[in-house]
Amino acid sequence: MAILISLWGASICCFGLYMLFKPEAFSNAIVTFSHQRYFHYFEIISRLVIGAVLLLGAPYTRYPLVFEFIGNLLLLVAILLVFMTEKHHKQFAVKAAKQGLTLFRPAGIIALLFGIWTIYVSFI
């Protein structure tokens, strides 16, 4: 399970670098992705899968409570998305991508650091 958490950490690093160096392109990618027919379902399923992986792999990390918290949070968000209509989810994603543009660089730094930390602590 540690390898899956490490892969999740590596993907967070990649997203962090993307936000840091190309915030406009990142924003545009969110808007483009939100127009895909499978967007809403992908968001739900990916959160369920990643949440489950984090919950199952948490005991094998150096800080299991952190990963249990994040896993439970992802599962909760997935459940909330099930009850949110696709239309409202899409509107939220587009609004967040456009209004959050100025926050993507700082968020990218945080994501990069968190991804590196996740990789590090997933191997005890």
Protein backbone atom coordinates (compact mmCIF):
# COMPACT_ATOMS: atom_id res chain seq x y z
CA MET A 1 0.00 0.00 0.00
CA ALA A 2 2.90 2.35 0.65
CA ILE A 3 3.73 2.38 -3.05
CA LEU A 4 0.19 3.55 -3.90
CA ILE A 5 0.42 6.35 -1.36
CA SER A 6 3.81 7.29 -2.80
CA LEU A 7 2.33 7.38 -6.30
CA TRP A 8 -0.43 9.64 -4.99
CA GLY A 9 2.28 11.87 -3.49
CA ALA A 10 4.11 11.93 -6.83
CA SER A 11 0.93 12.94 -8.63
CA ILE A 12 0.41 15.73 -6.08
CA CYS A 13 3.96 16.91 -6.85
CA CYS A 14 3.17 16.95 -10.57
CA PHE A 15 -0.02 18.93 -10.04
CA GLY A 16 1.88 21.28 -7.74
CA LEU A 17 4.53 21.92 -10.37
CA TYR A 18 1.84 22.49 -12.99
CA MET A 19 0.04 25.01 -10.74
CA LEU A 20 3.31 26.72 -9.84
CA PHE A 21 4.73 27.17 -13.33
CA LYS A 22 1.60 27.30 -15.51
CA PRO A 23 -1.32 28.57 -13.43
CA GLU A 24 -3.28 29.82 -16.45
CA ALA A 25 -2.93 26.50 -18.24
CA PHE A 26 -3.96 24.69 -15.05
CA SER A 27 -7.07 26.86 -14.78
CA ASN A 28 -7.92 26.24 -18.43
CA ALA A 29 -7.42 22.50 -17.96
CA ILE A 30 -9.93 22.49 -15.10
CA VAL A 31 -12.49 24.36 -17.21
CA THR A 32 -11.92 22.04 -20.19
CA PHE A 33 -12.14 18.92 -18.01
CA SER A 34 -15.35 20.15 -16.38
CA HIS A 35 -17.03 20.14 -19.79
CA GLN A 36 -16.39 16.41 -20.31
CA ARG A 37 -19.41 14.12 -19.97
CA TYR A 38 -17.60 11.89 -17.46
CA PHE A 39 -16.28 14.77 -15.29
CA HIS A 40 -18.74 14.42 -12.41
CA TYR A 41 -18.48 10.62 -12.25
CA PHE A 42 -14.69 10.66 -12.54
CA GLU A 43 -14.48 13.10 -9.64
CA ILE A 44 -16.66 10.87 -7.45
CA ILE A 45 -14.93 7.61 -8.33
CA SER A 46 -11.39 9.01 -8.06
CA ARG A 47 -12.12 10.40 -4.59
CA LEU A 48 -13.62 7.10 -3.48
CA VAL A 49 -10.64 5.12 -4.75
CA ILE A 50 -7.97 7.47 -3.41
CA GLY A 51 -9.81 7.79 -0.08
CA ALA A 52 -9.98 4.00 0.25
CA VAL A 53 -6.29 3.62 -0.65
CA LEU A 54 -5.33 6.20 1.96
CA LEU A 55 -7.46 4.56 4.62
CA LEU A 56 -6.12 1.09 3.86
CA GLY A 57 -2.52 2.27 3.58
CA ALA A 58 -2.52 4.67 6.54
CA PRO A 59 -1.21 2.10 9.06
CA TYR A 60 1.85 1.56 6.87
CA THR A 61 2.90 5.21 6.98
CA ARG A 62 4.77 7.21 9.56
CA TYR A 63 1.70 9.38 10.29
CA PRO A 64 -1.37 7.16 9.97
CA LEU A 65 -3.80 9.67 11.51
CA VAL A 66 -2.98 12.24 8.82
CA PHE A 67 -3.73 9.78 6.04
CA GLU A 68 -6.84 8.48 7.80
CA PHE A 69 -8.11 12.06 8.07
CA ILE A 70 -7.42 12.81 4.39
CA GLY A 71 -8.93 9.48 3.32
CA ASN A 72 -12.09 10.12 5.32
CA LEU A 73 -12.28 13.67 3.96
CA LEU A 74 -12.06 12.38 0.39
CA LEU A 75 -14.78 9.83 1.05
CA LEU A 76 -16.98 12.53 2.57
CA VAL A 77 -16.46 14.80 -0.44
CA ALA A 78 -17.30 11.91 -2.78
CA ILE A 79 -20.54 11.31 -0.90
CA LEU A 80 -21.40 15.02 -1.09
CA LEU A 81 -20.70 15.00 -4.83
CA VAL A 82 -23.14 12.12 -5.27
CA PHE A 83 -25.88 14.42 -3.97
CA MET A 84 -24.68 17.46 -5.91
CA THR A 85 -26.03 17.73 -9.43
CA GLU A 86 -23.61 17.60 -12.33
CA LYS A 87 -24.67 21.11 -13.32
CA HIS A 88 -23.79 22.60 -9.93
CA HIS A 89 -20.53 20.64 -9.76
CA LYS A 90 -19.51 21.97 -13.17
CA GLN A 91 -20.44 25.54 -12.21
CA PHE A 92 -18.42 25.24 -9.01
CA ALA A 93 -15.36 23.86 -10.86
CA VAL A 94 -15.42 26.63 -13.48
CA LYS A 95 -15.92 29.34 -10.88
CA ALA A 96 -13.12 27.96 -8.69
CA ALA A 97 -10.75 27.66 -11.65
CA LYS A 98 -11.31 31.25 -12.70
CA GLN A 99 -11.42 32.88 -9.26
CA GLY A 100 -8.60 30.75 -7.86
CA LEU A 101 -6.13 31.68 -10.57
CA THR A 102 -4.17 34.01 -8.26
CA LEU A 103 -3.97 31.27 -5.62
CA PHE A 104 -2.59 28.54 -7.88
CA ARG A 105 1.07 29.52 -7.50
CA PRO A 106 1.06 29.47 -3.67
CA ALA A 107 -1.11 26.34 -3.74
CA GLY A 108 1.39 24.78 -6.13
CA ILE A 109 4.22 25.33 -3.66
CA ILE A 110 2.14 23.81 -0.86
CA ALA A 111 1.13 20.87 -3.06
CA LEU A 112 4.74 20.25 -4.09
CA LEU A 113 5.93 20.25 -0.48
CA PHE A 114 3.01 18.08 0.64
CA GLY A 115 3.65 15.62 -2.20
CA ILE A 116 7.33 15.33 -1.27
CA TRP A 117 6.37 14.87 2.39
CA THR A 118 3.81 12.20 1.43
CA ILE A 119 6.40 10.25 -0.53
CA TYR A 120 8.87 10.51 2.35
CA VAL A 121 6.50 9.38 5.13
CA SER A 122 4.93 6.59 3.10
CA PHE A 123 8.15 4.65 3.46
CA ILE A 124 8.74 4.06 7.14
